[in-house]
Amino acid sequence: MSLSFEAKARPEGSKPGALRREGLVPANLYGHDGANSVLLTINARDLGYMLREARVRETPIELSIADLDWKGSVVLQEVQKHPWKSTLVYHVSFLATKG
């Protein structure tokens, strides 16, 4: 089973708390073009579904970023959650993989 997921580029100057109130989760993508990273936003509900299936640094995910016309294979690098509210995700990091 292959996981596919869509993200959007994070607006310049947007604050993480405001994004979370809108139902979005801040995210980063590393390694897509060398040393640069991309700031992203992800729908919190879709992210919840993905986290049920994906494992950190193990499960390949097809990520597409419509705003940047980028599509590729990534893995979850890090998931930051609230200390005792396990369903509240603060931030997600993706790492682009070759292949």
PDB file of N, CA and C in Angstrom:
ATOM      1  N   MET A   1       0.837  -1.184   0.000  1.00  0.00           N
ATOM      2  CA  MET A   1       0.000   0.000   0.000  1.00  0.00           C
ATOM      3  C   MET A   1       0.878   1.241   0.000  1.00  0.00           C
ATOM      4  N   SER A   2       0.591   2.146  -0.904  1.00  0.00           N
ATOM      5  CA  SER A   2       1.363   3.370  -1.026  1.00  0.00           C
ATOM      6  C   SER A   2       0.568   4.538  -0.456  1.00  0.00           C
ATOM      7  N   LEU A   3       1.236   5.365   0.329  1.00  0.00           N
ATOM      8  CA  LEU A   3       0.611   6.556   0.890  1.00  0.00           C
ATOM      9  C   LEU A   3       0.932   7.746  -0.003  1.00  0.00           C
ATOM     10  N   SER A   4      -0.070   8.541  -0.319  1.00  0.00           N
ATOM     11  CA  SER A   4       0.169   9.778  -1.051  1.00  0.00           C
ATOM     12  C   SER A   4      -0.469  10.911  -0.261  1.00  0.00           C
ATOM     13  N   PHE A   5       0.145  12.060  -0.351  1.00  0.00           N
ATOM     14  CA  PHE A   5      -0.217  13.157   0.524  1.00  0.00           C
ATOM     15  C   PHE A   5       0.028  14.466  -0.187  1.00  0.00           C
ATOM     16  N   GLU A   6      -0.782  15.481   0.113  1.00  0.00           N
ATOM     17  CA  GLU A   6      -0.620  16.787  -0.516  1.00  0.00           C
ATOM     18  C   GLU A   6      -0.364  17.852   0.545  1.00  0.00           C
ATOM     19  N   ALA A   7       0.550  18.762   0.236  1.00  0.00           N
ATOM     20  CA  ALA A   7       0.885  19.872   1.131  1.00  0.00           C
ATOM     21  C   ALA A   7       0.898  21.163   0.323  1.00  0.00           C
ATOM     22  N   LYS A   8       0.904  22.278   1.034  1.00  0.00           N
ATOM     23  CA  LYS A   8       0.991  23.585   0.398  1.00  0.00           C
ATOM     24  C   LYS A   8       2.151  24.357   0.994  1.00  0.00           C
ATOM     25  N   ALA A   9       2.701  25.266   0.226  1.00  0.00           N
ATOM     26  CA  ALA A   9       3.773  26.123   0.738  1.00  0.00           C
ATOM     27  C   ALA A   9       3.202  27.031   1.825  1.00  0.00           C
ATOM     28  N   ARG A  10       3.969  27.221   2.903  1.00  0.00           N
ATOM     29  CA  ARG A  10       3.515  28.067   4.003  1.00  0.00           C
ATOM     30  C   ARG A  10       3.633  29.529   3.599  1.00  0.00           C
ATOM     31  N   PRO A  11       2.578  30.317   3.829  1.00  0.00           N
ATOM     32  CA  PRO A  11       2.634  31.741   3.494  1.00  0.00           C
ATOM     33  C   PRO A  11       3.742  32.453   4.278  1.00  0.00           C
ATOM     34  N   GLU A  12       4.378  33.392   3.632  1.00  0.00           N
ATOM     35  CA  GLU A  12       5.457  34.168   4.250  1.00  0.00           C
ATOM     36  C   GLU A  12       4.909  34.935   5.455  1.00  0.00           C
ATOM     37  N   GLY A  13       5.583  34.822   6.586  1.00  0.00           N
ATOM     38  CA  GLY A  13       5.201  35.563   7.785  1.00  0.00           C
ATOM     39  C   GLY A  13       4.065  34.951   8.578  1.00  0.00           C
ATOM     40  N   SER A  14       3.611  33.760   8.213  1.00  0.00           N
ATOM     41  CA  SER A  14       2.521  33.127   8.951  1.00  0.00           C
ATOM     42  C   SER A  14       3.032  32.578  10.282  1.00  0.00           C
ATOM     43  N   LYS A  15       2.192  32.642  11.296  1.00  0.00           N
ATOM     44  CA  LYS A  15       2.576  32.180  12.627  1.00  0.00           C
ATOM     45  C   LYS A  15       2.005  30.786  12.869  1.00  0.00           C
ATOM     46  N   PRO A  16       2.803  29.899  13.489  1.00  0.00           N
ATOM     47  CA  PRO A  16       2.352  28.518  13.706  1.00  0.00           C
ATOM     48  C   PRO A  16       1.051  28.403  14.493  1.00  0.00           C
ATOM     49  N   GLY A  17       0.861  29.217  15.516  1.00  0.00           N
ATOM     50  CA  GLY A  17      -0.364  29.160  16.304  1.00  0.00           C
ATOM     51  C   GLY A  17      -1.591  29.508  15.481  1.00  0.00           C
ATOM     52  N   ALA A  18      -1.470  30.504  14.630  1.00  0.00           N
ATOM     53  CA  ALA A  18      -2.582  30.895  13.762  1.00  0.00           C
ATOM     54  C   ALA A  18      -2.902  29.792  12.760  1.00  0.00           C
ATOM     55  N   LEU A  19      -1.865  29.129  12.239  1.00  0.00           N
ATOM     56  CA  LEU A  19      -2.083  28.027  11.306  1.00  0.00           C
ATOM     57  C   LEU A  19      -2.830  26.886  11.991  1.00  0.00           C
ATOM     58  N   ARG A  20      -2.435  26.556  13.221  1.00  0.00           N
ATOM     59  CA  ARG A  20      -3.092  25.464  13.948  1.00  0.00           C
ATOM     60  C   ARG A  20      -4.560  25.779  14.218  1.00  0.00           C
ATOM     61  N   ARG A  21      -4.876  27.036  14.507  1.00  0.00           N
ATOM     62  CA  ARG A  21      -6.277  27.423  14.722  1.00  0.00           C
ATOM     63  C   ARG A  21      -7.105  27.258  13.453  1.00  0.00           C
ATOM     64  N   GLU A  22      -6.476  27.351  12.299  1.00  0.00           N
ATOM     65  CA  GLU A  22      -7.153  27.173  11.018  1.00  0.00           C
ATOM     66  C   GLU A  22      -7.244  25.710  10.597  1.00  0.00           C
ATOM     67  N   GLY A  23      -6.718  24.790  11.422  1.00  0.00           N
ATOM     68  CA  GLY A  23      -6.754  23.370  11.086  1.00  0.00           C
ATOM     69  C   GLY A  23      -5.584  22.913  10.242  1.00  0.00           C
ATOM     70  N   LEU A  24      -4.491  23.670  10.261  1.00  0.00           N
ATOM     71  CA  LEU A  24      -3.288  23.321   9.508  1.00  0.00           C
ATOM     72  C   LEU A  24      -2.147  23.026  10.471  1.00  0.00           C
ATOM     73  N   VAL A  25      -1.202  22.220  10.042  1.00  0.00           N
ATOM     74  CA  VAL A  25      -0.024  21.893  10.837  1.00  0.00           C
ATOM     75  C   VAL A  25       1.205  22.370  10.078  1.00  0.00           C
ATOM     76  N   PRO A  26       2.100  23.131  10.727  1.00  0.00           N
ATOM     77  CA  PRO A  26       3.337  23.543  10.067  1.00  0.00           C
ATOM     78  C   PRO A  26       4.242  22.326   9.819  1.00  0.00           C
ATOM     79  N   ALA A  27       4.971  22.369   8.720  1.00  0.00           N
ATOM     80  CA  ALA A  27       5.864  21.269   8.370  1.00  0.00           C
ATOM     81  C   ALA A  27       7.069  21.800   7.606  1.00  0.00           C
ATOM     82  N   ASN A  28       8.111  20.983   7.534  1.00  0.00           N
ATOM     83  CA  ASN A  28       9.308  21.284   6.745  1.00  0.00           C
ATOM     84  C   ASN A  28       9.616  20.094   5.856  1.00  0.00           C
ATOM     85  N   LEU A  29      10.201  20.385   4.711  1.00  0.00           N
ATOM     86  CA  LEU A  29      10.711  19.355   3.806  1.00  0.00           C
ATOM     87  C   LEU A  29      12.189  19.606   3.621  1.00  0.00           C
ATOM     88  N   TYR A  30      13.002  18.607   3.944  1.00  0.00           N
ATOM     89  CA  TYR A  30      14.454  18.702   3.816  1.00  0.00           C
ATOM     90  C   TYR A  30      14.937  17.773   2.711  1.00  0.00           C
ATOM     91  N   GLY A  31      16.021  18.169   2.036  1.00  0.00           N
ATOM     92  CA  GLY A  31      16.690  17.300   1.088  1.00  0.00           C
ATOM     93  C   GLY A  31      16.069  17.204  -0.282  1.00  0.00           C
ATOM     94  N   HIS A  32      15.124  18.050  -0.625  1.00  0.00           N
ATOM     95  CA  HIS A  32      14.490  17.953  -1.937  1.00  0.00           C
ATOM     96  C   HIS A  32      15.366  18.532  -3.041  1.00  0.00           C
ATOM     97  N   ASP A  33      16.245  19.471  -2.703  1.00  0.00           N
ATOM     98  CA  ASP A  33      17.163  20.024  -3.703  1.00  0.00           C
ATOM     99  C   ASP A  33      18.508  20.388  -3.084  1.00  0.00           C
ATOM    100  N   GLY A  34      19.020  19.522  -2.271  1.00  0.00           N
ATOM    101  CA  GLY A  34      20.316  19.781  -1.639  1.00  0.00           C
ATOM    102  C   GLY A  34      20.153  20.271  -0.223  1.00  0.00           C
ATOM    103  N   ALA A  35      20.729  21.434   0.080  1.00  0.00           N
ATOM    104  CA  ALA A  35      20.766  21.934   1.450  1.00  0.00           C
ATOM    105  C   ALA A  35      19.565  22.800   1.820  1.00  0.00           C
ATOM    106  N   ASN A  36      18.724  23.141   0.873  1.00  0.00           N
ATOM    107  CA  ASN A  36      17.593  24.024   1.153  1.00  0.00           C
ATOM    108  C   ASN A  36      16.418  23.254   1.744  1.00  0.00           C
ATOM    109  N   SER A  37      15.613  23.945   2.539  1.00  0.00           N
ATOM    110  CA  SER A  37      14.391  23.356   3.068  1.00  0.00           C
ATOM    111  C   SER A  37      13.205  24.202   2.613  1.00  0.00           C
ATOM    112  N   VAL A  38      12.023  23.594   2.664  1.00  0.00           N
ATOM    113  CA  VAL A  38      10.797  24.275   2.259  1.00  0.00           C
ATOM    114  C   VAL A  38       9.840  24.275   3.442  1.00  0.00           C
ATOM    115  N   LEU A  39       9.226  25.428   3.715  1.00  0.00           N
ATOM    116  CA  LEU A  39       8.224  25.531   4.761  1.00  0.00           C
ATOM    117  C   LEU A  39       6.864  25.167   4.169  1.00  0.00           C
ATOM    118  N   LEU A  40       6.148  24.275   4.841  1.00  0.00           N
ATOM    119  CA  LEU A  40       4.880  23.765   4.322  1.00  0.00           C
ATOM    120  C   LEU A  40       3.777  23.881   5.355  1.00  0.00           C
ATOM    121  N   THR A  41       2.544  23.717   4.900  1.00  0.00           N
ATOM    122  CA  THR A  41       1.394  23.515   5.772  1.00  0.00           C
ATOM    123  C   THR A  41       0.662  22.274   5.297  1.00  0.00           C
ATOM    124  N   ILE A  42       0.093  21.548   6.263  1.00  0.00           N
ATOM    125  CA  ILE A  42      -0.604  20.305   5.974  1.00  0.00           C
ATOM    126  C   ILE A  42      -1.934  20.325   6.707  1.00  0.00           C
ATOM    127  N   ASN A  43      -2.964  19.826   6.095  1.00  0.00           N
ATOM    128  CA  ASN A  43      -4.264  19.711   6.730  1.00  0.00           C
ATOM    129  C   ASN A  43      -4.144  18.759   7.925  1.00  0.00           C
ATOM    130  N   ALA A  44      -4.571  19.199   9.107  1.00  0.00           N
ATOM    131  CA  ALA A  44      -4.414  18.417  10.331  1.00  0.00           C
ATOM    132  C   ALA A  44      -5.187  17.100  10.268  1.00  0.00           C
ATOM    133  N   ARG A  45      -6.355  17.113   9.675  1.00  0.00           N
ATOM    134  CA  ARG A  45      -7.152  15.880   9.586  1.00  0.00           C
ATOM    135  C   ARG A  45      -6.464  14.849   8.694  1.00  0.00           C
ATOM    136  N   ASP A  46      -5.966  15.295   7.539  1.00  0.00           N
ATOM    137  CA  ASP A  46      -5.253  14.384   6.641  1.00  0.00           C
ATOM    138  C   ASP A  46      -3.990  13.848   7.298  1.00  0.00           C
ATOM    139  N   LEU A  47      -3.312  14.704   8.047  1.00  0.00           N
ATOM    140  CA  LEU A  47      -2.098  14.280   8.744  1.00  0.00           C
ATOM    141  C   LEU A  47      -2.419  13.203   9.771  1.00  0.00           C
ATOM    142  N   GLY A  48      -3.535  13.338  10.468  1.00  0.00           N
ATOM    143  CA  GLY A  48      -3.944  12.320  11.437  1.00  0.00           C
ATOM    144  C   GLY A  48      -4.124  10.962  10.795  1.00  0.00           C
ATOM    145  N   TYR A  49      -4.761  10.936   9.610  1.00  0.00           N
ATOM    146  CA  TYR A  49      -4.924   9.678   8.890  1.00  0.00           C
ATOM    147  C   TYR A  49      -3.570   9.097   8.479  1.00  0.00           C
ATOM    148  N   MET A  50      -2.670   9.969   8.020  1.00  0.00           N
ATOM    149  CA  MET A  50      -1.365   9.500   7.587  1.00  0.00           C
ATOM    150  C   MET A  50      -0.565   8.922   8.745  1.00  0.00           C
ATOM    151  N   LEU A  51      -0.632   9.563   9.911  1.00  0.00           N
ATOM    152  CA  LEU A  51       0.150   9.106  11.058  1.00  0.00           C
ATOM    153  C   LEU A  51      -0.318   7.753  11.578  1.00  0.00           C
ATOM    154  N   ARG A  52      -1.541   7.368  11.260  1.00  0.00           N
ATOM    155  CA  ARG A  52      -2.009   6.034  11.648  1.00  0.00           C
ATOM    156  C   ARG A  52      -1.318   4.946  10.837  1.00  0.00           C
ATOM    157  N   GLU A  53      -0.918   5.270   9.615  1.00  0.00           N
ATOM    158  CA  GLU A  53      -0.324   4.282   8.708  1.00  0.00           C
ATOM    159  C   GLU A  53       1.197   4.374   8.618  1.00  0.00           C
ATOM    160  N   ALA A  54       1.747   5.571   8.712  1.00  0.00           N
ATOM    161  CA  ALA A  54       3.174   5.780   8.460  1.00  0.00           C
ATOM    162  C   ALA A  54       3.988   5.656   9.746  1.00  0.00           C
ATOM    163  N   ARG A  55       5.204   5.184   9.609  1.00  0.00           N
ATOM    164  CA  ARG A  55       6.159   5.086  10.713  1.00  0.00           C
ATOM    165  C   ARG A  55       7.344   6.004  10.413  1.00  0.00           C
ATOM    166  N   VAL A  56       7.859   6.640  11.450  1.00  0.00           N
ATOM    167  CA  VAL A  56       8.969   7.585  11.302  1.00  0.00           C
ATOM    168  C   VAL A  56      10.189   6.854  10.750  1.00  0.00           C
ATOM    169  N   ARG A  57      10.791   7.437   9.708  1.00  0.00           N
ATOM    170  CA  ARG A  57      11.994   6.949   9.023  1.00  0.00           C
ATOM    171  C   ARG A  57      11.846   5.573   8.395  1.00  0.00           C
ATOM    172  N   GLU A  58      10.605   5.105   8.191  1.00  0.00           N
ATOM    173  CA  GLU A  58      10.407   3.783   7.609  1.00  0.00           C
ATOM    174  C   GLU A  58       9.479   3.786   6.398  1.00  0.00           C
ATOM    175  N   THR A  59       8.320   4.387   6.521  1.00  0.00           N
ATOM    176  CA  THR A  59       7.278   4.290   5.500  1.00  0.00           C
ATOM    177  C   THR A  59       7.473   5.334   4.407  1.00  0.00           C
ATOM    178  N   PRO A  60       7.626   4.908   3.150  1.00  0.00           N
ATOM    179  CA  PRO A  60       7.721   5.883   2.053  1.00  0.00           C
ATOM    180  C   PRO A  60       6.356   6.523   1.787  1.00  0.00           C
ATOM    181  N   ILE A  61       6.380   7.822   1.541  1.00  0.00           N
ATOM    182  CA  ILE A  61       5.170   8.593   1.291  1.00  0.00           C
ATOM    183  C   ILE A  61       5.391   9.411   0.024  1.00  0.00           C
ATOM    184  N   GLU A  62       4.400   9.416  -0.855  1.00  0.00           N
ATOM    185  CA  GLU A  62       4.446  10.270  -2.044  1.00  0.00           C
ATOM    186  C   GLU A  62       3.870  11.628  -1.661  1.00  0.00           C
ATOM    187  N   LEU A  63       4.721  12.650  -1.627  1.00  0.00           N
ATOM    188  CA  LEU A  63       4.310  13.995  -1.241  1.00  0.00           C
ATOM    189  C   LEU A  63       4.283  14.880  -2.469  1.00  0.00           C
ATOM    190  N   SER A  64       3.200  15.632  -2.627  1.00  0.00           N
ATOM    191  CA  SER A  64       3.132  16.599  -3.716  1.00  0.00           C
ATOM    192  C   SER A  64       2.861  17.975  -3.130  1.00  0.00           C
ATOM    193  N   ILE A  65       3.562  18.963  -3.676  1.00  0.00           N
ATOM    194  CA  ILE A  65       3.405  20.354  -3.252  1.00  0.00           C
ATOM    195  C   ILE A  65       2.926  21.117  -4.479  1.00  0.00           C
ATOM    196  N   ALA A  66       1.640  21.420  -4.488  1.00  0.00           N
ATOM    197  CA  ALA A  66       1.017  22.038  -5.670  1.00  0.00           C
ATOM    198  C   ALA A  66       1.594  23.419  -5.960  1.00  0.00           C
ATOM    199  N   ASP A  67       1.848  24.215  -4.930  1.00  0.00           N
ATOM    200  CA  ASP A  67       2.339  25.577  -5.123  1.00  0.00           C
ATOM    201  C   ASP A  67       3.720  25.620  -5.774  1.00  0.00           C
ATOM    202  N   LEU A  68       4.521  24.592  -5.554  1.00  0.00           N
ATOM    203  CA  LEU A  68       5.899  24.570  -6.055  1.00  0.00           C
ATOM    204  C   LEU A  68       6.094  23.608  -7.216  1.00  0.00           C
ATOM    205  N   ASP A  69       5.035  22.934  -7.658  1.00  0.00           N
ATOM    206  CA  ASP A  69       5.133  21.923  -8.712  1.00  0.00           C
ATOM    207  C   ASP A  69       6.208  20.892  -8.405  1.00  0.00           C
ATOM    208  N   TRP A  70       6.220  20.397  -7.166  1.00  0.00           N
ATOM    209  CA  TRP A  70       7.182  19.376  -6.743  1.00  0.00           C
ATOM    210  C   TRP A  70       6.422  18.146  -6.307  1.00  0.00           C
ATOM    211  N   LYS A  71       6.919  16.983  -6.705  1.00  0.00           N
ATOM    212  CA  LYS A  71       6.347  15.714  -6.278  1.00  0.00           C
ATOM    213  C   LYS A  71       7.489  14.729  -6.121  1.00  0.00           C
ATOM    214  N   GLY A  72       7.490  14.007  -5.006  1.00  0.00           N
ATOM    215  CA  GLY A  72       8.557  13.055  -4.790  1.00  0.00           C
ATOM    216  C   GLY A  72       8.287  12.162  -3.603  1.00  0.00           C
ATOM    217  N   SER A  73       9.209  11.254  -3.380  1.00  0.00           N
ATOM    218  CA  SER A  73       9.108  10.301  -2.282  1.00  0.00           C
ATOM    219  C   SER A  73       9.804  10.865  -1.048  1.00  0.00           C
ATOM    220  N   VAL A  74       9.135  10.786   0.100  1.00  0.00           N
ATOM    221  CA  VAL A  74       9.679  11.290   1.358  1.00  0.00           C
ATOM    222  C   VAL A  74       9.413  10.267   2.462  1.00  0.00           C
ATOM    223  N   VAL A  75      10.090  10.453   3.583  1.00  0.00           N
ATOM    224  CA  VAL A  75       9.785   9.720   4.812  1.00  0.00           C
ATOM    225  C   VAL A  75       9.606  10.747   5.926  1.00  0.00           C
ATOM    226  N   LEU A  76       8.855  10.375   6.935  1.00  0.00           N
ATOM    227  CA  LEU A  76       8.727  11.231   8.106  1.00  0.00           C
ATOM    228  C   LEU A  76      10.058  11.252   8.834  1.00  0.00           C
ATOM    229  N   GLN A  77      10.573  12.418   9.094  1.00  0.00           N
ATOM    230  CA  GLN A  77      11.821  12.531   9.834  1.00  0.00           C
ATOM    231  C   GLN A  77      11.542  12.749  11.318  1.00  0.00           C
ATOM    232  N   GLU A  78      10.532  13.590  11.614  1.00  0.00           N
ATOM    233  CA  GLU A  78      10.221  13.898  12.999  1.00  0.00           C
ATOM    234  C   GLU A  78       8.764  14.336  13.113  1.00  0.00           C
ATOM    235  N   VAL A  79       8.114  13.923  14.199  1.00  0.00           N
ATOM    236  CA  VAL A  79       6.757  14.354  14.511  1.00  0.00           C
ATOM    237  C   VAL A  79       6.785  14.918  15.925  1.00  0.00           C
ATOM    238  N   GLN A  80       6.462  16.196  16.067  1.00  0.00           N
ATOM    239  CA  GLN A  80       6.436  16.829  17.385  1.00  0.00           C
ATOM    240  C   GLN A  80       4.992  16.903  17.856  1.00  0.00           C
ATOM    241  N   LYS A  81       4.723  16.280  19.026  1.00  0.00           N
ATOM    242  CA  LYS A  81       3.375  16.229  19.574  1.00  0.00           C
ATOM    243  C   LYS A  81       3.323  16.942  20.921  1.00  0.00           C
ATOM    244  N   HIS A  82       2.115  17.272  21.334  1.00  0.00           N
ATOM    245  CA  HIS A  82       1.873  17.848  22.655  1.00  0.00           C
ATOM    246  C   HIS A  82       2.271  16.813  23.709  1.00  0.00           C
ATOM    247  N   PRO A  83       2.855  17.224  24.848  1.00  0.00           N
ATOM    248  CA  PRO A  83       3.351  16.268  25.844  1.00  0.00           C
ATOM    249  C   PRO A  83       2.313  15.272  26.367  1.00  0.00           C
ATOM    250  N   TRP A  84       1.081  15.691  26.597  1.00  0.00           N
ATOM    251  CA  TRP A  84       0.112  14.722  27.105  1.00  0.00           C
ATOM    252  C   TRP A  84      -1.148  14.602  26.255  1.00  0.00           C
ATOM    253  N   LYS A  85      -1.328  15.474  25.293  1.00  0.00           N
ATOM    254  CA  LYS A  85      -2.437  15.341  24.345  1.00  0.00           C
ATOM    255  C   LYS A  85      -1.877  14.701  23.082  1.00  0.00           C
ATOM    256  N   SER A  86      -1.890  13.388  23.050  1.00  0.00           N
ATOM    257  CA  SER A  86      -1.183  12.664  21.985  1.00  0.00           C
ATOM    258  C   SER A  86      -1.757  12.907  20.591  1.00  0.00           C
ATOM    259  N   THR A  87      -2.965  13.417  20.486  1.00  0.00           N
ATOM    260  CA  THR A  87      -3.533  13.656  19.158  1.00  0.00           C
ATOM    261  C   THR A  87      -3.176  15.029  18.606  1.00  0.00           C
ATOM    262  N   LEU A  88      -2.619  15.919  19.439  1.00  0.00           N
ATOM    263  CA  LEU A  88      -2.278  17.274  18.998  1.00  0.00           C
ATOM    264  C   LEU A  88      -0.842  17.301  18.471  1.00  0.00           C
ATOM    265  N   VAL A  89      -0.702  17.457  17.150  1.00  0.00           N
ATOM    266  CA  VAL A  89       0.614  17.490  16.509  1.00  0.00           C
ATOM    267  C   VAL A  89       1.003  18.948  16.296  1.00  0.00           C
ATOM    268  N   TYR A  90       2.197  19.314  16.775  1.00  0.00           N
ATOM    269  CA  TYR A  90       2.707  20.681  16.637  1.00  0.00           C
ATOM    270  C   TYR A  90       3.409  20.922  15.304  1.00  0.00           C
ATOM    271  N   HIS A  91       4.203  19.936  14.881  1.00  0.00           N
ATOM    272  CA  HIS A  91       5.072  20.150  13.717  1.00  0.00           C
ATOM    273  C   HIS A  91       5.501  18.800  13.150  1.00  0.00           C
ATOM    274  N   VAL A  92       5.702  18.755  11.837  1.00  0.00           N
ATOM    275  CA  VAL A  92       6.150  17.540  11.162  1.00  0.00           C
ATOM    276  C   VAL A  92       7.311  17.899  10.245  1.00  0.00           C
ATOM    277  N   SER A  93       8.309  17.026  10.194  1.00  0.00           N
ATOM    278  CA  SER A  93       9.437  17.203   9.274  1.00  0.00           C
ATOM    279  C   SER A  93       9.489  16.003   8.325  1.00  0.00           C
ATOM    280  N   PHE A  94       9.693  16.289   7.043  1.00  0.00           N
ATOM    281  CA  PHE A  94       9.833  15.250   6.021  1.00  0.00           C
ATOM    282  C   PHE A  94      11.250  15.306   5.473  1.00  0.00           C
ATOM    283  N   LEU A  95      11.754  14.142   5.048  1.00  0.00           N
ATOM    284  CA  LEU A  95      13.058  14.044   4.416  1.00  0.00           C
ATOM    285  C   LEU A  95      12.874  13.402   3.049  1.00  0.00           C
ATOM    286  N   ALA A  96      13.296  14.095   2.010  1.00  0.00           N
ATOM    287  CA  ALA A  96      13.175  13.562   0.644  1.00  0.00           C
ATOM    288  C   ALA A  96      14.132  12.393   0.471  1.00  0.00           C
ATOM    289  N   THR A  97      13.682  11.369  -0.218  1.00  0.00           N
ATOM    290  CA  THR A  97      14.497  10.185  -0.468  1.00  0.00           C
ATOM    291  C   THR A  97      14.779  10.088  -1.952  1.00  0.00           C
ATOM    292  N   LYS A  98      15.843   9.434  -2.295  1.00  0.00           N
ATOM    293  CA  LYS A  98      16.191   9.216  -3.700  1.00  0.00           C
ATOM    294  C   LYS A  98      15.417   7.996  -4.185  1.00  0.00           C
ATOM    295  N   GLY A  99      14.747   8.161  -5.293  1.00  0.00           N
ATOM    296  CA  GLY A  99      14.058   7.011  -5.871  1.00  0.00           C
ATOM    297  C   GLY A  99      12.599   7.088  -5.931  1.00  0.00           C
TER     298      GLY A  99
END
